[in-house]
């Protein structure tokens, strides 16, 4: 992504003034550095709510995490009243791309307490999903297909692909509402509770999709600096409080680790060396998940 200035470009500010005049002139802007796809600024104003202005980079080349501003708007409108997402303000087009404006969520990015994440994730998964969301991979065959699709964008066929179990895990058929990118950087601790941000790639499908991305050693390493311990993982699955889903996740874990390993390989081949540790962690987790 092209490096952006510390405040939004003039063309974006002009479009903001037309679309949301009540929020058009924050006292100061600060670049938010957590996201890995889009550019976002935190606008602060005396006597008014802080805002986040997100400028979308356009359709994602990313083979695992899409980038849909319309989906984010839909989910913010749906979930903000339930207290688990930021409050949406406005959406508008600019010469630089599409923008969404929503209220800033004060607080710290999540670092510990996996049961708290499990509880907000379980709440999300029982909510009715809006129409029009993409379908997440469901079952081992769909996950293998996605893994091979990602590997197909790389220059080598990694050895771990041949290590996957031959026994299939059937689709669940569930149509749970999924965030599909619940990594530590997208979970904010505020006023003693959690909120989920960055809703540009939601989906419907198997709840294990959200569970696998959150528990992913690579994602935890990238955003938190270390993978979850076995105790933290077990505490999460206990707090999620669905024995069938926990058992299903364990059966699908090799396939999820393989997909994430393929994703890390793709990122490495696109000059993102930070994913090197993630690749090693996912391959190691894949091997552990194959043990009886």
Protein backbone atom coordinates (compact mmCIF):
# COMPACT_ATOMS: atom_id res chain seq x y z
CA UNK A 1 0.00 0.00 0.00
CA UNK A 2 1.28 3.48 -0.89
CA UNK A 3 2.46 5.49 2.12
CA UNK A 4 -0.15 8.09 3.04
CA UNK A 5 0.27 11.56 4.57
CA UNK A 6 -0.38 12.16 8.29
CA UNK A 7 -3.75 13.74 7.44
CA UNK A 8 -6.29 12.89 4.71
CA UNK A 9 -5.65 14.35 1.23
CA UNK A 10 -7.48 17.58 0.39
CA UNK A 11 -9.78 15.77 -2.06
CA UNK A 12 -10.87 13.40 0.72
CA UNK A 13 -11.46 16.25 3.16
CA UNK A 14 -13.52 18.10 0.55
CA UNK A 15 -15.71 15.04 -0.02
CA UNK A 16 -16.00 14.57 3.76
CA UNK A 17 -17.27 18.15 4.16
CA UNK A 18 -20.04 17.45 1.65
CA UNK A 19 -20.98 14.01 3.03
CA UNK A 20 -20.75 14.67 6.77
CA UNK A 21 -20.49 18.41 7.49
CA UNK A 22 -20.89 17.90 11.24
CA UNK A 23 -17.65 15.88 11.24
CA UNK A 24 -15.71 17.73 8.55
CA UNK A 25 -13.17 19.66 10.58
CA UNK A 26 -11.47 17.69 13.37
CA UNK A 27 -8.87 19.63 15.33
CA UNK A 28 -6.20 17.06 14.41
CA UNK A 29 -5.72 13.92 12.33
CA UNK A 30 -3.46 10.98 13.17
CA UNK A 31 -2.70 7.99 10.97
CA UNK A 32 -3.84 4.67 12.44
CA UNK A 33 -1.15 2.08 11.84
CA UNK A 34 -2.94 -1.15 12.81
CA UNK A 35 -4.47 -2.02 9.45
CA UNK A 36 -2.53 -3.87 6.75
CA UNK A 37 -4.71 -3.06 3.72
CA UNK A 38 -6.48 0.31 3.92
CA UNK A 39 -5.42 3.71 5.27
CA UNK A 40 -7.27 5.14 8.26
CA UNK A 41 -7.02 8.38 10.21
CA UNK A 42 -8.20 9.18 13.73
CA UNK A 43 -9.79 12.61 13.86
CA UNK A 44 -9.98 14.41 17.22
CA UNK A 45 -12.15 17.42 18.06
CA UNK A 46 -12.89 19.30 21.25
CA UNK A 47 -16.49 18.87 22.31
CA UNK A 48 -17.29 16.24 19.67
CA UNK A 49 -16.88 12.50 19.23
CA UNK A 50 -13.61 11.32 17.77
CA UNK A 51 -13.96 9.70 14.35
CA UNK A 52 -12.16 7.23 12.13
CA UNK A 53 -11.93 8.01 8.43
CA UNK A 54 -11.03 4.91 6.41
CA UNK A 55 -9.85 5.22 2.80
CA UNK A 56 -10.18 1.91 0.98
CA UNK A 57 -7.34 0.68 -1.18
CA UNK A 58 -9.74 -0.85 -3.70
CA UNK A 59 -10.46 -4.53 -4.40
CA UNK A 60 -7.98 -6.63 -2.48
CA UNK A 61 -5.33 -8.73 -4.18
CA UNK A 62 -5.31 -10.56 -0.88
CA UNK A 63 -6.38 -14.19 -1.41
CA UNK A 64 -7.73 -14.67 2.12
CA UNK A 65 -9.12 -11.34 3.34
CA UNK A 66 -11.37 -9.41 0.89
CA UNK A 67 -11.83 -5.65 1.11
CA UNK A 68 -15.45 -4.52 0.75
CA UNK A 69 -16.48 -1.06 2.07
CA UNK A 70 -20.16 -1.80 1.42
CA UNK A 71 -19.99 -4.89 3.60
CA UNK A 72 -18.35 -2.88 6.37
CA UNK A 73 -21.09 -0.26 6.23
CA UNK A 74 -23.76 -2.97 6.40
CA UNK A 75 -22.20 -4.65 9.41
CA UNK A 76 -21.54 -1.43 11.32
CA UNK A 77 -25.17 -0.36 10.86
CA UNK A 78 -26.33 -3.78 12.05
CA UNK A 79 -24.00 -4.32 15.00
CA UNK A 80 -23.28 -0.89 16.51
CA UNK A 81 -26.66 -0.83 18.30
CA UNK A 82 -25.71 -4.13 19.94
CA UNK A 83 -22.55 -2.58 21.36
CA UNK A 84 -20.02 -4.79 19.60
CA UNK A 85 -18.96 -2.54 16.68
CA UNK A 86 -18.26 1.17 16.07
CA UNK A 87 -21.11 3.55 15.24
CA UNK A 88 -21.36 4.21 11.50
CA UNK A 89 -21.60 7.86 10.36
CA UNK A 90 -21.24 8.13 6.58
CA UNK A 91 -19.91 6.57 3.39
CA UNK A 92 -18.78 8.53 0.33
CA UNK A 93 -16.64 8.37 -2.80
CA UNK A 94 -13.56 10.52 -3.42
CA UNK A 95 -10.97 10.96 -6.15
CA UNK A 96 -8.72 8.75 -4.02
CA UNK A 97 -11.25 5.98 -3.45
CA UNK A 98 -14.22 5.03 -1.27
CA UNK A 99 -14.33 6.19 2.35
CA UNK A 100 -16.25 5.12 5.42
CA UNK A 101 -16.57 7.38 8.46
CA UNK A 102 -17.43 5.99 11.88
CA UNK A 103 -16.98 6.85 15.53
CA UNK A 104 -13.60 6.08 17.04
CA UNK A 105 -13.54 3.37 19.71
CA UNK A 106 -11.22 4.48 22.54
CA UNK A 107 -9.22 1.81 24.29
CA UNK A 108 -6.40 -0.67 23.80
CA UNK A 109 -6.01 -3.49 21.33
CA UNK A 110 -6.62 -6.89 22.85
CA UNK A 111 -3.61 -8.67 24.36
CA UNK A 112 -4.85 -11.22 26.88
CA UNK A 113 -8.02 -12.89 28.23
CA UNK A 114 -9.08 -15.31 25.50
CA UNK A 115 -12.41 -16.16 27.19
CA UNK A 116 -13.56 -12.56 26.66
CA UNK A 117 -12.95 -12.90 22.90
CA UNK A 118 -14.74 -16.26 22.89
CA UNK A 119 -17.83 -14.73 24.46
CA UNK A 120 -18.14 -11.83 21.99
CA UNK A 121 -17.47 -14.23 19.11
CA UNK A 122 -20.20 -16.60 20.30
CA UNK A 123 -22.60 -13.64 20.56
CA UNK A 124 -21.79 -12.65 16.98
CA UNK A 125 -22.33 -16.18 15.71
CA UNK A 126 -25.90 -16.42 17.00
CA UNK A 127 -27.02 -13.14 15.40
CA UNK A 128 -28.98 -13.21 12.12
CA UNK A 129 -26.76 -12.40 9.15
CA UNK A 130 -27.74 -9.77 6.56
CA UNK A 131 -28.22 -10.78 2.94
CA UNK A 132 -25.41 -10.52 0.42
CA UNK A 133 -22.39 -11.66 2.42
CA UNK A 134 -19.84 -14.00 0.88
CA UNK A 135 -19.74 -17.68 1.83
CA UNK A 136 -16.76 -18.80 3.91
CA UNK A 137 -15.16 -22.20 3.19
CA UNK A 138 -17.10 -24.95 4.95
CA UNK A 139 -15.51 -28.34 5.52
CA UNK A 140 -12.14 -29.83 4.69
CA UNK A 141 -12.65 -30.06 0.92
CA UNK A 142 -13.41 -26.33 0.67
CA UNK A 143 -10.41 -25.49 2.85
CA UNK A 144 -8.09 -27.65 0.73
CA UNK A 145 -9.46 -25.96 -2.40
CA UNK A 146 -8.72 -22.53 -0.91
CA UNK A 147 -5.26 -23.61 0.21
CA UNK A 148 -4.40 -24.82 -3.29
CA UNK A 149 -5.78 -21.60 -4.75
CA UNK A 150 -3.41 -19.58 -2.55
CA UNK A 151 -0.47 -21.90 -3.23
CA UNK A 152 -1.20 -21.50 -6.93
CA UNK A 153 -0.26 -17.84 -6.58
CA UNK A 154 3.17 -18.83 -5.19
CA UNK A 155 6.30 -19.97 -7.00
CA UNK A 156 6.69 -23.27 -5.13
CA UNK A 157 4.43 -26.10 -3.96
CA UNK A 158 5.11 -26.38 -0.22
CA UNK A 159 5.63 -29.82 1.30
CA UNK A 160 3.01 -29.32 4.01
CA UNK A 161 0.18 -29.61 1.47
CA UNK A 162 0.84 -33.36 1.16
CA UNK A 163 0.65 -33.80 4.95
CA UNK A 164 -3.08 -33.07 5.22
CA UNK A 165 -5.37 -35.83 6.51
CA UNK A 166 -7.11 -37.95 3.91
CA UNK A 167 -10.25 -38.28 6.03
CA UNK A 168 -12.75 -35.61 5.02
CA UNK A 169 -14.63 -33.34 7.44
CA UNK A 170 -18.05 -32.71 5.97
CA UNK A 171 -19.55 -29.20 5.63
CA UNK A 172 -21.59 -28.13 8.61
CA UNK A 173 -24.15 -26.16 6.61
CA UNK A 174 -24.20 -23.47 9.31
CA UNK A 175 -24.74 -19.90 8.15
CA UNK A 176 -23.33 -18.09 11.16
CA UNK A 177 -22.49 -14.40 10.89
CA UNK A 178 -18.69 -14.17 10.74
CA UNK A 179 -16.30 -11.26 11.15
CA UNK A 180 -13.67 -13.37 9.31
CA UNK A 181 -10.72 -11.30 10.55
CA UNK A 182 -10.81 -11.44 14.35
CA UNK A 183 -7.11 -10.89 14.99
CA UNK A 184 -5.81 -9.08 18.10
CA UNK A 185 -5.53 -5.78 16.22
CA UNK A 186 -9.25 -5.85 15.42
CA UNK A 187 -10.40 -6.37 19.01
CA UNK A 188 -10.55 -3.22 21.17
CA UNK A 189 -10.89 -3.23 24.95
CA UNK A 190 -13.02 -0.26 25.93
CA UNK A 191 -14.90 0.51 29.16
CA UNK A 192 -14.39 -3.02 30.45
CA UNK A 193 -15.77 -4.75 27.34
CA UNK A 194 -14.70 -5.63 23.83
CA UNK A 195 -15.66 -4.23 20.44
CA UNK A 196 -14.74 -5.57 17.01
CA UNK A 197 -13.43 -3.22 14.31
CA UNK A 198 -12.40 -3.56 10.63
CA UNK A 199 -15.46 -5.23 9.15
CA UNK A 200 -14.37 -5.12 5.49
CA UNK A 201 -14.34 -8.91 4.95
CA UNK A 202 -17.36 -10.42 6.79
CA UNK A 203 -18.91 -13.70 5.69
CA UNK A 204 -21.43 -16.37 6.58
CA UNK A 205 -20.64 -19.98 7.28
CA UNK A 206 -18.91 -22.31 9.71
CA UNK A 207 -18.16 -20.65 13.10
CA UNK A 208 -14.82 -22.47 13.02
CA UNK A 209 -13.67 -19.89 10.44
CA UNK A 210 -13.58 -17.11 13.03
CA UNK A 211 -12.19 -19.45 15.69
CA UNK A 212 -9.33 -20.60 13.45
CA UNK A 213 -8.28 -17.09 12.47
CA UNK A 214 -8.26 -15.89 16.06
CA UNK A 215 -6.36 -18.95 17.32
CA UNK A 216 -3.92 -18.85 14.37
CA UNK A 217 -0.31 -18.82 15.63
CA UNK A 218 0.72 -16.62 12.69
CA UNK A 219 -1.94 -13.98 13.34
CA UNK A 220 -1.20 -13.92 17.07
CA UNK A 221 2.52 -13.59 16.36
CA UNK A 222 2.00 -10.74 13.88
CA UNK A 223 -0.38 -8.71 16.02
CA UNK A 224 0.54 -9.68 19.59
CA UNK A 225 4.15 -10.76 19.32
CA UNK A 226 3.60 -14.38 20.35
CA UNK A 227 1.19 -17.24 19.67
CA UNK A 228 -1.36 -18.33 22.22
CA UNK A 229 -0.33 -20.93 24.77
CA UNK A 230 -2.15 -24.25 24.99
CA UNK A 231 -3.79 -23.00 28.18
CA UNK A 232 -5.03 -19.82 26.46
CA UNK A 233 -6.41 -21.85 23.55
CA UNK A 234 -8.19 -24.28 25.86
CA UNK A 235 -9.62 -21.40 27.90
CA UNK A 236 -10.99 -19.88 24.70
CA UNK A 237 -12.71 -23.08 23.57
CA UNK A 238 -14.20 -23.65 27.02
CA UNK A 239 -15.57 -20.10 27.14
CA UNK A 240 -17.02 -20.42 23.61
CA UNK A 241 -19.21 -23.05 25.27
CA UNK A 242 -20.11 -25.28 22.33
CA UNK A 243 -18.65 -28.78 22.62
CA UNK A 244 -19.62 -29.75 19.08
CA UNK A 245 -17.94 -26.69 17.56
CA UNK A 246 -14.81 -27.24 19.66
CA UNK A 247 -14.59 -30.84 18.49
CA UNK A 248 -15.17 -29.76 14.90
CA UNK A 249 -12.44 -27.13 15.16
CA UNK A 250 -9.93 -29.76 16.34
CA UNK A 251 -10.81 -32.00 13.37
CA UNK A 252 -10.42 -29.09 10.96
CA UNK A 253 -7.31 -27.60 12.59
CA UNK A 254 -4.80 -29.22 10.17
CA UNK A 255 -6.68 -27.75 7.21
CA UNK A 256 -6.89 -24.29 8.76
CA UNK A 257 -3.18 -24.33 9.63
CA UNK A 258 -2.32 -25.39 6.08
CA UNK A 259 -4.41 -22.58 4.62
CA UNK A 260 -2.78 -20.00 6.89
CA UNK A 261 0.67 -21.39 6.13
CA UNK A 262 -0.09 -20.99 2.41
CA UNK A 263 -1.23 -17.42 3.08
CA UNK A 264 2.01 -16.65 4.94
CA UNK A 265 4.00 -18.09 2.03
CA UNK A 266 2.10 -15.83 -0.38
CA UNK A 267 2.83 -12.81 1.81
CA UNK A 268 6.53 -13.69 1.96
CA UNK A 269 6.68 -13.93 -1.82
CA UNK A 270 5.11 -10.46 -1.93
CA UNK A 271 8.02 -9.00 0.07
CA UNK A 272 6.45 -9.14 3.52
CA UNK A 273 9.21 -10.86 5.46
CA UNK A 274 7.35 -10.44 8.76
CA UNK A 275 5.25 -13.46 7.78
CA UNK A 276 8.29 -15.75 7.90
CA UNK A 277 7.86 -16.58 11.57
CA UNK A 278 4.15 -17.09 10.98
CA UNK A 279 4.83 -19.65 8.26
CA UNK A 280 7.05 -21.67 10.58
CA UNK A 281 4.54 -21.44 13.42
CA UNK A 282 1.64 -22.61 11.24
CA UNK A 283 3.58 -25.55 9.81
CA UNK A 284 4.59 -26.59 13.33
CA UNK A 285 0.97 -26.28 14.50
CA UNK A 286 -0.15 -28.35 11.51
CA UNK A 287 2.23 -31.13 12.50
CA UNK A 288 1.06 -31.02 16.12
CA UNK A 289 -2.58 -31.17 15.05
CA UNK A 290 -1.90 -34.41 13.17
CA UNK A 291 -0.76 -36.25 16.28
CA UNK A 292 -3.28 -38.66 17.87
